[in-house]
């Protein structure tokens, strides 16, 4: 009975962890949120075309060295091994409150900036296989907009994973709602892990005492 109860608890956690999000489209490297209703749509899930510069890593203050390609986010790289820089522009209303950006998991080592402010680095990002250390950790940053325009800048390098790039959606939303989303995701992960472990132990016990 215990495995079944744990499974029911996991299902309840999954239901509780689901928070309504609104999808917004990035068009030609621009996310237009000038008509964003913050209270009605507190969390936005982004998808669309970002500017992408393959095989080059450059910081926000350096600027692009060549014309970009257009890469749909979220998506995996066709060739998972390599490096590149993503860029996106966000247009906000004049009365925009503080907003939080979150990247659930970038396949590779990554370094990101929101309007020039760095996010916590995931892994160790370099130009070489030997020195790069990939890391799938979730990263995020809350920013107070001082202008109606924000620049999102992300570097990614992957030499070991079978998938590379920003393969999961990017989220933007009001900080308090984003924090609750993270708490629910952690709850789902914890309960699901306990459920799998308990059911696994249950099967081992049944196997050990089979007639």
Protein backbone atom coordinates (compact mmCIF):
# COMPACT_ATOMS: atom_id res chain seq x y z
CA UNK A 1 0.00 0.00 0.00
CA UNK A 2 2.87 2.40 0.77
CA UNK A 3 4.13 2.61 -2.85
CA UNK A 4 0.61 3.40 -4.03
CA UNK A 5 0.27 6.15 -1.42
CA UNK A 6 3.61 7.63 -2.43
CA UNK A 7 2.56 7.54 -6.08
CA UNK A 8 -0.65 9.39 -5.19
CA UNK A 9 1.40 11.97 -3.26
CA UNK A 10 3.67 12.44 -6.29
CA UNK A 11 0.64 12.96 -8.52
CA UNK A 12 -0.72 15.53 -6.06
CA UNK A 13 2.63 17.34 -6.04
CA UNK A 14 2.68 17.42 -9.81
CA UNK A 15 -0.81 18.92 -9.84
CA UNK A 16 0.14 21.47 -7.20
CA UNK A 17 3.37 22.33 -9.02
CA UNK A 18 1.61 23.26 -12.21
CA UNK A 19 1.24 27.04 -12.32
CA UNK A 20 -0.45 28.80 -15.18
CA UNK A 21 1.94 30.48 -17.60
CA UNK A 22 1.28 32.54 -20.71
CA UNK A 23 3.32 31.92 -23.85
CA UNK A 24 4.89 34.94 -25.53
CA UNK A 25 6.66 34.90 -28.87
CA UNK A 26 10.10 36.34 -29.53
CA UNK A 27 10.03 37.74 -33.08
CA UNK A 28 13.30 38.41 -34.91
CA UNK A 29 15.17 38.69 -31.63
CA UNK A 30 12.67 41.07 -29.99
CA UNK A 31 10.19 40.32 -27.19
CA UNK A 32 7.56 43.06 -27.15
CA UNK A 33 6.00 43.32 -23.67
CA UNK A 34 4.85 46.93 -23.87
CA UNK A 35 1.24 45.78 -23.48
CA UNK A 36 2.04 43.18 -20.82
CA UNK A 37 -0.64 42.92 -18.09
CA UNK A 38 1.50 42.05 -15.08
CA UNK A 39 -1.21 40.99 -12.68
CA UNK A 40 -3.25 39.03 -15.22
CA UNK A 41 -0.19 37.23 -16.64
CA UNK A 42 2.42 37.11 -13.85
CA UNK A 43 4.59 34.42 -15.50
CA UNK A 44 5.47 34.34 -19.20
CA UNK A 45 6.98 31.39 -21.05
CA UNK A 46 9.09 32.57 -23.98
CA UNK A 47 9.55 30.94 -27.36
CA UNK A 48 10.71 32.24 -30.70
CA UNK A 49 13.69 33.41 -32.73
CA UNK A 50 16.78 34.71 -30.92
CA UNK A 51 19.83 36.23 -32.55
CA UNK A 52 22.55 33.59 -32.48
CA UNK A 53 26.26 33.84 -33.19
CA UNK A 54 27.71 30.32 -33.62
CA UNK A 55 31.31 29.42 -32.77
CA UNK A 56 31.97 32.70 -30.95
CA UNK A 57 31.72 33.83 -27.33
CA UNK A 58 31.61 37.57 -26.71
CA UNK A 59 30.59 39.74 -23.75
CA UNK A 60 27.73 42.29 -23.89
CA UNK A 61 30.05 45.29 -24.02
CA UNK A 62 31.99 43.86 -26.98
CA UNK A 63 29.08 43.75 -29.40
CA UNK A 64 28.59 41.26 -32.24
CA UNK A 65 31.45 40.61 -34.63
CA UNK A 66 29.22 39.59 -37.53
CA UNK A 67 25.61 39.26 -38.62
CA UNK A 68 23.59 36.76 -36.58
CA UNK A 69 21.78 33.63 -37.52
CA UNK A 70 18.25 33.08 -36.22
CA UNK A 71 17.76 30.23 -33.79
CA UNK A 72 14.47 29.11 -32.27
CA UNK A 73 14.48 28.94 -28.47
CA UNK A 74 13.88 26.49 -26.90
CA UNK A 75 15.65 23.99 -29.15
CA UNK A 76 18.68 21.72 -29.28
CA UNK A 77 21.66 22.42 -31.47
CA UNK A 78 21.78 20.25 -34.60
CA UNK A 79 25.43 19.63 -33.77
CA UNK A 80 25.44 19.31 -29.97
CA UNK A 81 29.16 20.02 -29.64
CA UNK A 82 30.27 23.61 -29.95
CA UNK A 83 29.75 27.10 -28.59
CA UNK A 84 27.79 30.22 -29.37
CA UNK A 85 26.21 33.43 -28.11
CA UNK A 86 22.48 34.20 -27.93
CA UNK A 87 20.98 37.69 -27.80
CA UNK A 88 17.46 39.01 -27.34
CA UNK A 89 15.91 42.45 -26.77
CA UNK A 90 12.97 42.93 -24.39
CA UNK A 91 10.66 45.95 -24.74
CA UNK A 92 8.88 46.91 -21.51
CA UNK A 93 6.20 49.47 -20.61
CA UNK A 94 7.31 52.64 -18.86
CA UNK A 95 5.83 51.57 -15.52
CA UNK A 96 7.37 48.08 -15.52
CA UNK A 97 7.90 46.59 -12.03
CA UNK A 98 10.93 44.46 -11.08
CA UNK A 99 10.99 41.29 -13.18
CA UNK A 100 12.78 37.97 -12.85
CA UNK A 101 14.32 35.93 -15.66
CA UNK A 102 14.87 32.19 -15.26
CA UNK A 103 16.58 29.58 -17.42
CA UNK A 104 15.44 26.13 -16.29
CA UNK A 105 18.40 24.24 -17.74
CA UNK A 106 20.92 25.12 -20.44
CA UNK A 107 22.72 22.14 -21.95
CA UNK A 108 26.37 23.00 -21.46
CA UNK A 109 28.37 25.55 -19.52
CA UNK A 110 26.64 28.93 -19.63
CA UNK A 111 27.14 32.56 -18.71
CA UNK A 112 24.33 35.11 -19.01
CA UNK A 113 23.64 38.81 -18.51
CA UNK A 114 20.39 40.77 -18.24
CA UNK A 115 21.01 44.38 -19.28
CA UNK A 116 24.67 43.95 -18.45
CA UNK A 117 24.06 42.43 -14.99
CA UNK A 118 25.57 38.91 -14.76
CA UNK A 119 23.61 35.87 -13.63
CA UNK A 120 25.29 33.12 -11.58
CA UNK A 121 27.53 31.18 -13.95
CA UNK A 122 26.61 27.54 -14.60
CA UNK A 123 29.75 25.45 -14.89
CA UNK A 124 33.03 26.75 -16.24
CA UNK A 125 32.76 28.26 -19.71
CA UNK A 126 35.88 28.50 -21.89
CA UNK A 127 36.90 28.14 -25.53
CA UNK A 128 38.44 24.69 -25.01
CA UNK A 129 37.21 21.18 -24.27
CA UNK A 130 39.84 20.60 -21.60
CA UNK A 131 38.90 23.59 -19.44
CA UNK A 132 35.11 23.73 -19.96
CA UNK A 133 32.92 22.13 -17.28
CA UNK A 134 29.28 21.71 -18.23
CA UNK A 135 26.52 22.21 -15.65
CA UNK A 136 22.73 21.89 -16.00
CA UNK A 137 21.82 24.00 -12.97
CA UNK A 138 18.87 26.40 -13.07
CA UNK A 139 19.87 30.08 -13.13
CA UNK A 140 17.86 33.25 -12.62
CA UNK A 141 18.07 36.96 -11.86
CA UNK A 142 15.69 39.69 -10.70
CA UNK A 143 16.24 43.08 -12.30
CA UNK A 144 14.76 46.53 -11.70
CA UNK A 145 14.19 48.09 -15.14
CA UNK A 146 15.65 51.58 -15.44
CA UNK A 147 14.64 51.78 -19.08
CA UNK A 148 11.98 50.35 -21.38
CA UNK A 149 14.58 48.19 -23.12
CA UNK A 150 16.48 45.20 -21.71
CA UNK A 151 19.19 43.18 -23.46
CA UNK A 152 19.46 39.46 -22.73
CA UNK A 153 22.86 37.97 -23.55
CA UNK A 154 23.73 34.27 -23.12
CA UNK A 155 26.95 32.39 -23.86
CA UNK A 156 26.87 28.58 -24.12
CA UNK A 157 29.62 26.00 -24.67
CA UNK A 158 29.05 22.25 -24.80
CA UNK A 159 31.64 19.58 -25.51
CA UNK A 160 30.37 16.57 -23.53
CA UNK A 161 26.56 16.41 -23.46
CA UNK A 162 24.62 14.76 -26.27
CA UNK A 163 22.44 17.88 -26.43
CA UNK A 164 23.54 21.49 -26.52
CA UNK A 165 21.95 24.94 -26.30
CA UNK A 166 18.93 26.50 -24.61
CA UNK A 167 16.74 23.43 -24.88
CA UNK A 168 14.09 24.40 -22.31
CA UNK A 169 11.84 27.50 -22.18
CA UNK A 170 13.02 30.77 -20.71
CA UNK A 171 10.63 32.36 -18.20
CA UNK A 172 10.09 35.98 -17.18
CA UNK A 173 7.68 37.13 -14.51
CA UNK A 174 6.96 38.96 -11.29
CA UNK A 175 9.53 37.88 -8.66
CA UNK A 176 7.03 36.68 -6.03
CA UNK A 177 5.25 34.44 -8.55
CA UNK A 178 8.53 33.11 -9.92
CA UNK A 179 9.68 32.23 -6.39
CA UNK A 180 6.48 30.26 -5.77
CA UNK A 181 7.04 28.47 -9.08
CA UNK A 182 10.52 27.44 -7.94
CA UNK A 183 9.21 26.19 -4.61
CA UNK A 184 6.64 24.04 -6.36
CA UNK A 185 9.22 22.64 -8.77
CA UNK A 186 11.43 21.68 -5.82
CA UNK A 187 8.45 20.01 -4.14
CA UNK A 188 7.67 18.04 -7.30
CA UNK A 189 11.30 16.92 -7.62
CA UNK A 190 11.56 15.86 -3.98
CA UNK A 191 8.28 13.95 -3.86
CA UNK A 192 8.89 12.27 -7.22
CA UNK A 193 12.35 11.14 -6.10
CA UNK A 194 10.94 9.69 -2.87
CA UNK A 195 8.18 7.94 -4.82
CA UNK A 196 10.61 6.33 -7.25
CA UNK A 197 12.96 5.26 -4.45
CA UNK A 198 10.12 3.79 -2.38
CA UNK A 199 8.64 1.88 -5.30
CA UNK A 200 12.08 0.61 -6.24
CA UNK A 201 12.69 -0.67 -2.72
CA UNK A 202 9.24 -2.25 -2.72
CA UNK A 203 10.00 -4.18 -5.89
CA UNK A 204 13.34 -5.32 -4.45
CA UNK A 205 11.60 -6.63 -1.33
CA UNK A 206 9.03 -8.46 -3.42
CA UNK A 207 11.79 -9.94 -5.58
CA UNK A 208 13.81 -11.03 -2.53
CA UNK A 209 10.83 -12.79 -0.87
CA UNK A 210 9.26 -14.26 -3.99
CA UNK A 211 8.21 -17.91 -3.60
